[in-house]
PDB file of N, CA and C in Angstrom:
ATOM      1  N   UNK A   1       6.279  19.610  -7.762  1.00  0.00           N
ATOM      2  CA  UNK A   1       4.914  19.295  -7.383  1.00  0.00           C
ATOM      3  C   UNK A   1       4.186  18.568  -8.516  1.00  0.00           C
ATOM      4  N   UNK A   2       4.460  18.946  -9.756  1.00  0.00           N
ATOM      5  CA  UNK A   2       3.793  18.297 -10.882  1.00  0.00           C
ATOM      6  C   UNK A   2       4.183  16.827 -10.969  1.00  0.00           C
ATOM      7  N   UNK A   3       5.449  16.509 -10.677  1.00  0.00           N
ATOM      8  CA  UNK A   3       5.907  15.131 -10.734  1.00  0.00           C
ATOM      9  C   UNK A   3       5.171  14.284  -9.701  1.00  0.00           C
ATOM     10  N   UNK A   4       5.029  14.785  -8.492  1.00  0.00           N
ATOM     11  CA  UNK A   4       4.329  14.051  -7.440  1.00  0.00           C
ATOM     12  C   UNK A   4       2.870  13.824  -7.825  1.00  0.00           C
ATOM     13  N   UNK A   5       2.234  14.840  -8.399  1.00  0.00           N
ATOM     14  CA  UNK A   5       0.851  14.704  -8.836  1.00  0.00           C
ATOM     15  C   UNK A   5       0.739  13.656  -9.927  1.00  0.00           C
ATOM     16  N   UNK A   6       1.666  13.668 -10.859  1.00  0.00           N
ATOM     17  CA  UNK A   6       1.668  12.681 -11.936  1.00  0.00           C
ATOM     18  C   UNK A   6       1.835  11.275 -11.391  1.00  0.00           C
ATOM     19  N   UNK A   7       2.737  11.095 -10.442  1.00  0.00           N
ATOM     20  CA  UNK A   7       2.949   9.779  -9.830  1.00  0.00           C
ATOM     21  C   UNK A   7       1.681   9.325  -9.105  1.00  0.00           C
ATOM     22  N   UNK A   8       1.041  10.227  -8.376  1.00  0.00           N
ATOM     23  CA  UNK A   8      -0.178   9.892  -7.649  1.00  0.00           C
ATOM     24  C   UNK A   8      -1.278   9.471  -8.609  1.00  0.00           C
ATOM     25  N   UNK A   9      -1.475  10.214  -9.682  1.00  0.00           N
ATOM     26  CA  UNK A   9      -2.505   9.878 -10.666  1.00  0.00           C
ATOM     27  C   UNK A   9      -2.201   8.533 -11.307  1.00  0.00           C
ATOM     28  N   UNK A  10      -0.939   8.296 -11.649  1.00  0.00           N
ATOM     29  CA  UNK A  10      -0.542   7.025 -12.242  1.00  0.00           C
ATOM     30  C   UNK A  10      -0.820   5.870 -11.288  1.00  0.00           C
ATOM     31  N   UNK A  11      -0.479   6.047 -10.020  1.00  0.00           N
ATOM     32  CA  UNK A  11      -0.712   4.999  -9.031  1.00  0.00           C
ATOM     33  C   UNK A  11      -2.202   4.687  -8.909  1.00  0.00           C
ATOM     34  N   UNK A  12      -3.044   5.713  -8.887  1.00  0.00           N
ATOM     35  CA  UNK A  12      -4.489   5.510  -8.766  1.00  0.00           C
ATOM     36  C   UNK A  12      -5.025   4.763  -9.989  1.00  0.00           C
ATOM     37  N   UNK A  13      -4.570   5.129 -11.176  1.00  0.00           N
ATOM     38  CA  UNK A  13      -5.025   4.458 -12.393  1.00  0.00           C
ATOM     39  C   UNK A  13      -4.615   2.988 -12.376  1.00  0.00           C
ATOM     40  N   UNK A  14      -3.369   2.717 -11.998  1.00  0.00           N
ATOM     41  CA  UNK A  14      -2.893   1.340 -11.937  1.00  0.00           C
ATOM     42  C   UNK A  14      -3.668   0.559 -10.884  1.00  0.00           C
ATOM     43  N   UNK A  15      -3.887   1.171  -9.752  1.00  0.00           N
ATOM     44  CA  UNK A  15      -4.606   0.484  -8.674  1.00  0.00           C
ATOM     45  C   UNK A  15      -6.038   0.172  -9.076  1.00  0.00           C
ATOM     46  N   UNK A  16      -6.670   1.092  -9.775  1.00  0.00           N
ATOM     47  CA  UNK A  16      -8.055   0.873 -10.181  1.00  0.00           C
ATOM     48  C   UNK A  16      -8.171  -0.212 -11.251  1.00  0.00           C
ATOM     49  N   UNK A  17      -7.146  -0.387 -12.076  1.00  0.00           N
ATOM     50  CA  UNK A  17      -7.208  -1.383 -13.138  1.00  0.00           C
ATOM     51  C   UNK A  17      -6.573  -2.708 -12.732  1.00  0.00           C
ATOM     52  N   UNK A  18      -6.142  -2.807 -11.505  1.00  0.00           N
ATOM     53  CA  UNK A  18      -5.460  -4.003 -11.033  1.00  0.00           C
ATOM     54  C   UNK A  18      -6.434  -5.150 -10.816  1.00  0.00           C
ATOM     55  N   UNK A  19      -5.902  -6.355 -10.907  1.00  0.00           N
ATOM     56  CA  UNK A  19      -6.715  -7.546 -10.657  1.00  0.00           C
ATOM     57  C   UNK A  19      -6.400  -8.162  -9.300  1.00  0.00           C
ATOM     58  N   UNK A  20      -5.821  -7.392  -8.395  1.00  0.00           N
ATOM     59  CA  UNK A  20      -5.508  -7.892  -7.058  1.00  0.00           C
ATOM     60  C   UNK A  20      -6.813  -8.206  -6.339  1.00  0.00           C
ATOM     61  N   UNK A  21      -6.934  -9.394  -5.765  1.00  0.00           N
ATOM     62  CA  UNK A  21      -8.175  -9.736  -5.068  1.00  0.00           C
ATOM     63  C   UNK A  21      -8.383  -8.847  -3.846  1.00  0.00           C
ATOM     64  N   UNK A  22      -9.629  -8.552  -3.583  1.00  0.00           N
ATOM     65  CA  UNK A  22      -9.965  -7.694  -2.458  1.00  0.00           C
ATOM     66  C   UNK A  22     -10.752  -8.526  -1.452  1.00  0.00           C
ATOM     67  N   UNK A  23     -10.292  -8.515  -0.215  1.00  0.00           N
ATOM     68  CA  UNK A  23     -10.974  -9.225   0.856  1.00  0.00           C
ATOM     69  C   UNK A  23     -11.689  -8.207   1.737  1.00  0.00           C
ATOM     70  N   UNK A  24     -12.942  -8.457   2.013  1.00  0.00           N
ATOM     71  CA  UNK A  24     -13.699  -7.547   2.867  1.00  0.00           C
ATOM     72  C   UNK A  24     -14.056  -8.264   4.156  1.00  0.00           C
ATOM     73  N   UNK A  25     -14.023  -7.524   5.254  1.00  0.00           N
ATOM     74  CA  UNK A  25     -14.415  -8.091   6.532  1.00  0.00           C
ATOM     75  C   UNK A  25     -15.355  -7.127   7.235  1.00  0.00           C
ATOM     76  N   UNK A  26     -16.304  -7.673   7.952  1.00  0.00           N
ATOM     77  CA  UNK A  26     -17.204  -6.845   8.742  1.00  0.00           C
ATOM     78  C   UNK A  26     -16.500  -6.516  10.050  1.00  0.00           C
ATOM     79  N   UNK A  27     -16.616  -5.271  10.469  1.00  0.00           N
ATOM     80  CA  UNK A  27     -15.936  -4.837  11.681  1.00  0.00           C
ATOM     81  C   UNK A  27     -16.979  -4.338  12.669  1.00  0.00           C
ATOM     82  N   UNK A  28     -17.127  -5.015  13.769  1.00  0.00           N
ATOM     83  CA  UNK A  28     -17.985  -4.639  14.885  1.00  0.00           C
ATOM     84  C   UNK A  28     -19.377  -4.157  14.478  1.00  0.00           C
ATOM     85  N   UNK A  29     -20.216  -5.086  14.156  1.00  0.00           N
ATOM     86  CA  UNK A  29     -21.620  -4.792  13.945  1.00  0.00           C
ATOM     87  C   UNK A  29     -21.936  -3.932  12.739  1.00  0.00           C
ATOM     88  N   UNK A  30     -22.394  -2.706  13.002  1.00  0.00           N
ATOM     89  CA  UNK A  30     -22.917  -1.856  11.945  1.00  0.00           C
ATOM     90  C   UNK A  30     -21.865  -1.007  11.258  1.00  0.00           C
ATOM     91  N   UNK A  31     -20.613  -1.157  11.617  1.00  0.00           N
ATOM     92  CA  UNK A  31     -19.566  -0.355  10.991  1.00  0.00           C
ATOM     93  C   UNK A  31     -19.426  -0.736   9.528  1.00  0.00           C
ATOM     94  N   UNK A  32     -18.919   0.197   8.765  1.00  0.00           N
ATOM     95  CA  UNK A  32     -18.712  -0.026   7.338  1.00  0.00           C
ATOM     96  C   UNK A  32     -17.654  -1.101   7.113  1.00  0.00           C
ATOM     97  N   UNK A  33     -17.857  -1.926   6.084  1.00  0.00           N
ATOM     98  CA  UNK A  33     -16.870  -2.954   5.772  1.00  0.00           C
ATOM     99  C   UNK A  33     -15.603  -2.298   5.256  1.00  0.00           C
ATOM    100  N   UNK A  34     -14.486  -2.899   5.607  1.00  0.00           N
ATOM    101  CA  UNK A  34     -13.192  -2.360   5.216  1.00  0.00           C
ATOM    102  C   UNK A  34     -12.548  -3.301   4.210  1.00  0.00           C
ATOM    103  N   UNK A  35     -12.118  -2.748   3.094  1.00  0.00           N
ATOM    104  CA  UNK A  35     -11.422  -3.547   2.095  1.00  0.00           C
ATOM    105  C   UNK A  35      -9.977  -3.712   2.550  1.00  0.00           C
ATOM    106  N   UNK A  36      -9.653  -4.892   3.046  1.00  0.00           N
ATOM    107  CA  UNK A  36      -8.314  -5.108   3.580  1.00  0.00           C
ATOM    108  C   UNK A  36      -7.253  -5.041   2.494  1.00  0.00           C
ATOM    109  N   UNK A  37      -7.477  -5.672   1.361  1.00  0.00           N
ATOM    110  CA  UNK A  37      -6.469  -5.687   0.306  1.00  0.00           C
ATOM    111  C   UNK A  37      -6.807  -4.681  -0.786  1.00  0.00           C
ATOM    112  N   UNK A  38      -6.969  -3.474  -0.392  1.00  0.00           N
ATOM    113  CA  UNK A  38      -7.251  -2.397  -1.340  1.00  0.00           C
ATOM    114  C   UNK A  38      -6.020  -1.505  -1.409  1.00  0.00           C
ATOM    115  N   UNK A  39      -5.269  -1.558  -2.514  1.00  0.00           N
ATOM    116  CA  UNK A  39      -4.042  -0.767  -2.607  1.00  0.00           C
ATOM    117  C   UNK A  39      -4.276   0.743  -2.530  1.00  0.00           C
ATOM    118  N   UNK A  40      -5.485   1.188  -2.818  1.00  0.00           N
ATOM    119  CA  UNK A  40      -5.763   2.620  -2.709  1.00  0.00           C
ATOM    120  C   UNK A  40      -5.661   3.102  -1.266  1.00  0.00           C
ATOM    121  N   UNK A  41      -5.849   2.206  -0.318  1.00  0.00           N
ATOM    122  CA  UNK A  41      -5.734   2.585   1.092  1.00  0.00           C
ATOM    123  C   UNK A  41      -4.285   2.872   1.477  1.00  0.00           C
ATOM    124  N   UNK A  42      -3.343   2.509   0.578  1.00  0.00           N
ATOM    125  CA  UNK A  42      -1.934   2.767   0.848  1.00  0.00           C
ATOM    126  C   UNK A  42      -1.438   4.053   0.195  1.00  0.00           C
ATOM    127  N   UNK A  43      -2.336   4.883  -0.302  1.00  0.00           N
ATOM    128  CA  UNK A  43      -1.921   6.142  -0.919  1.00  0.00           C
ATOM    129  C   UNK A  43      -1.095   7.028   0.010  1.00  0.00           C
ATOM    130  N   UNK A  44      -1.337   7.030   1.330  1.00  0.00           N
ATOM    131  CA  UNK A  44      -0.470   7.831   2.205  1.00  0.00           C
ATOM    132  C   UNK A  44       0.995   7.383   2.175  1.00  0.00           C
ATOM    133  N   UNK A  45       1.248   6.179   1.646  1.00  0.00           N
ATOM    134  CA  UNK A  45       2.624   5.662   1.569  1.00  0.00           C
ATOM    135  C   UNK A  45       3.316   6.050   0.265  1.00  0.00           C
ATOM    136  N   UNK A  46       2.597   6.653  -0.646  1.00  0.00           N
ATOM    137  CA  UNK A  46       3.157   6.960  -1.954  1.00  0.00           C
ATOM    138  C   UNK A  46       4.425   7.812  -1.892  1.00  0.00           C
ATOM    139  N   UNK A  47       4.481   8.890  -1.090  1.00  0.00           N
ATOM    140  CA  UNK A  47       5.729   9.670  -1.032  1.00  0.00           C
ATOM    141  C   UNK A  47       6.922   8.851  -0.523  1.00  0.00           C
ATOM    142  N   UNK A  48       6.668   7.910   0.361  1.00  0.00           N
ATOM    143  CA  UNK A  48       7.754   7.087   0.893  1.00  0.00           C
ATOM    144  C   UNK A  48       8.279   6.119  -0.161  1.00  0.00           C
ATOM    145  N   UNK A  49       7.387   5.595  -1.011  1.00  0.00           N
ATOM    146  CA  UNK A  49       7.814   4.606  -2.008  1.00  0.00           C
ATOM    147  C   UNK A  49       8.350   5.246  -3.278  1.00  0.00           C
ATOM    148  N   UNK A  50       7.944   6.481  -3.567  1.00  0.00           N
ATOM    149  CA  UNK A  50       8.380   7.093  -4.822  1.00  0.00           C
ATOM    150  C   UNK A  50       9.596   7.990  -4.661  1.00  0.00           C
ATOM    151  N   UNK A  51       9.587   8.839  -3.622  1.00  0.00           N
ATOM    152  CA  UNK A  51      10.708   9.776  -3.487  1.00  0.00           C
ATOM    153  C   UNK A  51      11.521   9.561  -2.220  1.00  0.00           C
ATOM    154  N   UNK A  52      11.150   8.550  -1.445  1.00  0.00           N
ATOM    155  CA  UNK A  52      11.965   8.179  -0.299  1.00  0.00           C
ATOM    156  C   UNK A  52      11.761   9.008   0.955  1.00  0.00           C
ATOM    157  N   UNK A  53      10.634   9.719   1.057  1.00  0.00           N
ATOM    158  CA  UNK A  53      10.354  10.449   2.296  1.00  0.00           C
ATOM    159  C   UNK A  53      10.079   9.454   3.419  1.00  0.00           C
ATOM    160  N   UNK A  54      10.279   9.849   4.668  1.00  0.00           N
ATOM    161  CA  UNK A  54       9.934   8.946   5.779  1.00  0.00           C
ATOM    162  C   UNK A  54       8.428   8.680   5.775  1.00  0.00           C
ATOM    163  N   UNK A  55       8.017   7.452   6.073  1.00  0.00           N
ATOM    164  CA  UNK A  55       6.586   7.151   6.086  1.00  0.00           C
ATOM    165  C   UNK A  55       5.878   7.868   7.228  1.00  0.00           C
ATOM    166  N   UNK A  56       4.661   8.273   6.970  1.00  0.00           N
ATOM    167  CA  UNK A  56       3.843   8.939   7.982  1.00  0.00           C
ATOM    168  C   UNK A  56       3.251   7.881   8.924  1.00  0.00           C
ATOM    169  N   UNK A  57       2.804   8.290  10.099  1.00  0.00           N
ATOM    170  CA  UNK A  57       2.135   7.330  10.990  1.00  0.00           C
ATOM    171  C   UNK A  57       0.909   6.692  10.329  1.00  0.00           C
ATOM    172  N   UNK A  58       0.178   7.458   9.528  1.00  0.00           N
ATOM    173  CA  UNK A  58      -0.988   6.916   8.827  1.00  0.00           C
ATOM    174  C   UNK A  58      -0.561   5.820   7.846  1.00  0.00           C
ATOM    175  N   UNK A  59       0.539   6.055   7.143  1.00  0.00           N
ATOM    176  CA  UNK A  59       1.072   5.047   6.223  1.00  0.00           C
ATOM    177  C   UNK A  59       1.411   3.775   6.982  1.00  0.00           C
ATOM    178  N   UNK A  60       2.120   3.898   8.074  1.00  0.00           N
ATOM    179  CA  UNK A  60       2.518   2.717   8.857  1.00  0.00           C
ATOM    180  C   UNK A  60       1.304   1.964   9.380  1.00  0.00           C
ATOM    181  N   UNK A  61       0.300   2.680   9.849  1.00  0.00           N
ATOM    182  CA  UNK A  61      -0.912   2.024  10.350  1.00  0.00           C
ATOM    183  C   UNK A  61      -1.595   1.233   9.245  1.00  0.00           C
ATOM    184  N   UNK A  62      -1.691   1.828   8.073  1.00  0.00           N
ATOM    185  CA  UNK A  62      -2.346   1.138   6.959  1.00  0.00           C
ATOM    186  C   UNK A  62      -1.525  -0.049   6.468  1.00  0.00           C
ATOM    187  N   UNK A  63      -0.199   0.069   6.505  1.00  0.00           N
ATOM    188  CA  UNK A  63       0.640  -1.069   6.129  1.00  0.00           C
ATOM    189  C   UNK A  63       0.425  -2.236   7.086  1.00  0.00           C
ATOM    190  N   UNK A  64       0.308  -1.932   8.371  1.00  0.00           N
ATOM    191  CA  UNK A  64       0.105  -2.991   9.364  1.00  0.00           C
ATOM    192  C   UNK A  64      -1.237  -3.683   9.153  1.00  0.00           C
ATOM    193  N   UNK A  65      -2.264  -2.914   8.783  1.00  0.00           N
ATOM    194  CA  UNK A  65      -3.580  -3.497   8.516  1.00  0.00           C
ATOM    195  C   UNK A  65      -3.520  -4.397   7.282  1.00  0.00           C
ATOM    196  N   UNK A  66      -2.746  -3.979   6.279  1.00  0.00           N
ATOM    197  CA  UNK A  66      -2.674  -4.734   5.020  1.00  0.00           C
ATOM    198  C   UNK A  66      -1.462  -5.658   4.936  1.00  0.00           C
ATOM    199  N   UNK A  67      -0.854  -5.946   6.053  1.00  0.00           N
ATOM    200  CA  UNK A  67       0.347  -6.789   6.053  1.00  0.00           C
ATOM    201  C   UNK A  67       0.107  -8.132   5.365  1.00  0.00           C
ATOM    202  N   UNK A  68      -1.060  -8.713   5.553  1.00  0.00           N
ATOM    203  CA  UNK A  68      -1.361 -10.001   4.926  1.00  0.00           C
ATOM    204  C   UNK A  68      -1.542  -9.887   3.409  1.00  0.00           C
ATOM    205  N   UNK A  69      -1.652  -8.684   2.896  1.00  0.00           N
ATOM    206  CA  UNK A  69      -1.864  -8.461   1.463  1.00  0.00           C
ATOM    207  C   UNK A  69      -0.561  -8.238   0.707  1.00  0.00           C
ATOM    208  N   UNK A  70       0.542  -8.045   1.407  1.00  0.00           N
ATOM    209  CA  UNK A  70       1.787  -7.647   0.760  1.00  0.00           C
ATOM    210  C   UNK A  70       2.276  -8.667  -0.261  1.00  0.00           C
ATOM    211  N   UNK A  71       2.081  -9.954  -0.025  1.00  0.00           N
ATOM    212  CA  UNK A  71       2.506 -10.957  -1.010  1.00  0.00           C
ATOM    213  C   UNK A  71       1.743 -10.786  -2.319  1.00  0.00           C
ATOM    214  N   UNK A  72       0.456 -10.486  -2.224  1.00  0.00           N
ATOM    215  CA  UNK A  72      -0.330 -10.235  -3.438  1.00  0.00           C
ATOM    216  C   UNK A  72       0.227  -9.033  -4.186  1.00  0.00           C
ATOM    217  N   UNK A  73       0.618  -8.002  -3.453  1.00  0.00           N
ATOM    218  CA  UNK A  73       1.161  -6.804  -4.092  1.00  0.00           C
ATOM    219  C   UNK A  73       2.527  -7.084  -4.725  1.00  0.00           C
ATOM    220  N   UNK A  74       3.331  -7.911  -4.071  1.00  0.00           N
ATOM    221  CA  UNK A  74       4.651  -8.237  -4.611  1.00  0.00           C
ATOM    222  C   UNK A  74       4.511  -9.025  -5.913  1.00  0.00           C
ATOM    223  N   UNK A  75       3.529  -9.922  -5.954  1.00  0.00           N
ATOM    224  CA  UNK A  75       3.321 -10.744  -7.149  1.00  0.00           C
ATOM    225  C   UNK A  75       2.775  -9.938  -8.326  1.00  0.00           C
ATOM    226  N   UNK A  76       2.190  -8.788  -8.052  1.00  0.00           N
ATOM    227  CA  UNK A  76       1.623  -7.956  -9.107  1.00  0.00           C
ATOM    228  C   UNK A  76       2.687  -6.968  -9.591  1.00  0.00           C
ATOM    229  N   UNK A  77       3.081  -7.053 -10.869  1.00  0.00           N
ATOM    230  CA  UNK A  77       4.135  -6.161 -11.371  1.00  0.00           C
ATOM    231  C   UNK A  77       3.722  -4.694 -11.447  1.00  0.00           C
ATOM    232  N   UNK A  78       2.425  -4.410 -11.283  1.00  0.00           N
ATOM    233  CA  UNK A  78       1.963  -3.015 -11.322  1.00  0.00           C
ATOM    234  C   UNK A  78       2.385  -2.232 -10.079  1.00  0.00           C
ATOM    235  N   UNK A  79       2.761  -2.944  -9.013  1.00  0.00           N
ATOM    236  CA  UNK A  79       3.150  -2.281  -7.772  1.00  0.00           C
ATOM    237  C   UNK A  79       4.648  -2.412  -7.575  1.00  0.00           C
ATOM    238  N   UNK A  80       5.202  -1.444  -6.880  1.00  0.00           N
ATOM    239  CA  UNK A  80       6.660  -1.469  -6.671  1.00  0.00           C
ATOM    240  C   UNK A  80       6.993  -1.742  -5.208  1.00  0.00           C
ATOM    241  N   UNK A  81       6.299  -2.688  -4.624  1.00  0.00           N
ATOM    242  CA  UNK A  81       6.499  -2.982  -3.205  1.00  0.00           C
ATOM    243  C   UNK A  81       7.860  -3.633  -2.956  1.00  0.00           C
ATOM    244  N   UNK A  82       8.485  -4.166  -4.010  1.00  0.00           N
ATOM    245  CA  UNK A  82       9.789  -4.792  -3.812  1.00  0.00           C
ATOM    246  C   UNK A  82      10.943  -3.837  -4.121  1.00  0.00           C
ATOM    247  N   UNK A  83      10.642  -2.573  -4.358  1.00  0.00           N
ATOM    248  CA  UNK A  83      11.698  -1.599  -4.641  1.00  0.00           C
ATOM    249  C   UNK A  83      12.497  -1.309  -3.366  1.00  0.00           C
ATOM    250  N   UNK A  84      13.726  -0.826  -3.511  1.00  0.00           N
ATOM    251  CA  UNK A  84      14.531  -0.505  -2.322  1.00  0.00           C
ATOM    252  C   UNK A  84      13.846   0.508  -1.396  1.00  0.00           C
ATOM    253  N   UNK A  85      13.173   1.512  -1.966  1.00  0.00           N
ATOM    254  CA  UNK A  85      12.493   2.516  -1.125  1.00  0.00           C
ATOM    255  C   UNK A  85      11.343   1.890  -0.358  1.00  0.00           C
ATOM    256  N   UNK A  86      10.654   0.945  -0.974  1.00  0.00           N
ATOM    257  CA  UNK A  86       9.559   0.265  -0.283  1.00  0.00           C
ATOM    258  C   UNK A  86      10.072  -0.576   0.871  1.00  0.00           C
ATOM    259  N   UNK A  87      11.200  -1.228   0.659  1.00  0.00           N
ATOM    260  CA  UNK A  87      11.793  -2.031   1.742  1.00  0.00           C
ATOM    261  C   UNK A  87      12.191  -1.143   2.919  1.00  0.00           C
ATOM    262  N   UNK A  88      12.750   0.023   2.628  1.00  0.00           N
ATOM    263  CA  UNK A  88      13.117   0.971   3.684  1.00  0.00           C
ATOM    264  C   UNK A  88      11.870   1.435   4.422  1.00  0.00           C
ATOM    265  N   UNK A  89      10.785   1.691   3.673  1.00  0.00           N
ATOM    266  CA  UNK A  89       9.530   2.119   4.283  1.00  0.00           C
ATOM    267  C   UNK A  89       8.990   1.035   5.217  1.00  0.00           C
ATOM    268  N   UNK A  90       8.979  -0.223   4.760  1.00  0.00           N
ATOM    269  CA  UNK A  90       8.500  -1.316   5.605  1.00  0.00           C
ATOM    270  C   UNK A  90       9.338  -1.439   6.870  1.00  0.00           C
ATOM    271  N   UNK A  91      10.634  -1.306   6.715  1.00  0.00           N
ATOM    272  CA  UNK A  91      11.533  -1.385   7.871  1.00  0.00           C
ATOM    273  C   UNK A  91      11.254  -0.260   8.861  1.00  0.00           C
ATOM    274  N   UNK A  92      11.044   0.961   8.343  1.00  0.00           N
ATOM    275  CA  UNK A  92      10.763   2.103   9.212  1.00  0.00           C
ATOM    276  C   UNK A  92       9.443   1.934   9.956  1.00  0.00           C
ATOM    277  N   UNK A  93       8.496   1.255   9.326  1.00  0.00           N
ATOM    278  CA  UNK A  93       7.181   1.024   9.958  1.00  0.00           C
ATOM    279  C   UNK A  93       7.170  -0.235  10.810  1.00  0.00           C
ATOM    280  N   UNK A  94       8.315  -0.922  10.865  1.00  0.00           N
ATOM    281  CA  UNK A  94       8.420  -2.175  11.627  1.00  0.00           C
ATOM    282  C   UNK A  94       7.447  -3.245  11.122  1.00  0.00           C
ATOM    283  N   UNK A  95       7.283  -3.272   9.789  1.00  0.00           N
ATOM    284  CA  UNK A  95       6.491  -4.305   9.123  1.00  0.00           C
ATOM    285  C   UNK A  95       7.489  -5.210   8.409  1.00  0.00           C
ATOM    286  N   UNK A  96       7.534  -6.486   8.748  1.00  0.00           N
ATOM    287  CA  UNK A  96       8.523  -7.364   8.122  1.00  0.00           C
ATOM    288  C   UNK A  96       8.243  -7.549   6.630  1.00  0.00           C
ATOM    289  N   UNK A  97       9.316  -7.587   5.847  1.00  0.00           N
ATOM    290  CA  UNK A  97       9.161  -7.855   4.423  1.00  0.00           C
ATOM    291  C   UNK A  97       8.710  -9.292   4.276  1.00  0.00           C
ATOM    292  N   UNK A  98       7.620  -9.548   3.557  1.00  0.00           N
ATOM    293  CA  UNK A  98       7.066 -10.905   3.505  1.00  0.00           C
ATOM    294  C   UNK A  98       7.957 -11.855   2.706  1.00  0.00           C
ATOM    295  N   UNK A  99       7.955 -13.096   3.113  1.00  0.00           N
ATOM    296  CA  UNK A  99       8.614 -14.139   2.337  1.00  0.00           C
ATOM    297  C   UNK A  99       7.506 -14.959   1.673  1.00  0.00           C
ATOM    298  N   UNK A 100       7.319 -14.707   0.417  1.00  0.00           N
ATOM    299  CA  UNK A 100       6.200 -15.342  -0.328  1.00  0.00           C
ATOM    300  C   UNK A 100       6.675 -16.586  -1.043  1.00  0.00           C
TER     301      UNK A 100
END
């Protein structure tokens, strides 16, 4: 459990210090704006990318929303989206691995 907590804290620190551009879009009138390219929204995917657990439905939904952001994440060495476990996660969620 301590290892998972350490990985989660590390991921949050890296995500907060990242220079990945964030795109915001307004969604249906008065709803709160959603940061489409916000890597923190992919925290539910952390167990799948770090220890190889099957991705949760929430993880898959968030990956589909951020599908257009994956090239930015691949280009950033702070993220491990190109790792073998990440590729398996994308495949399980039926999100194609981007060709950047």
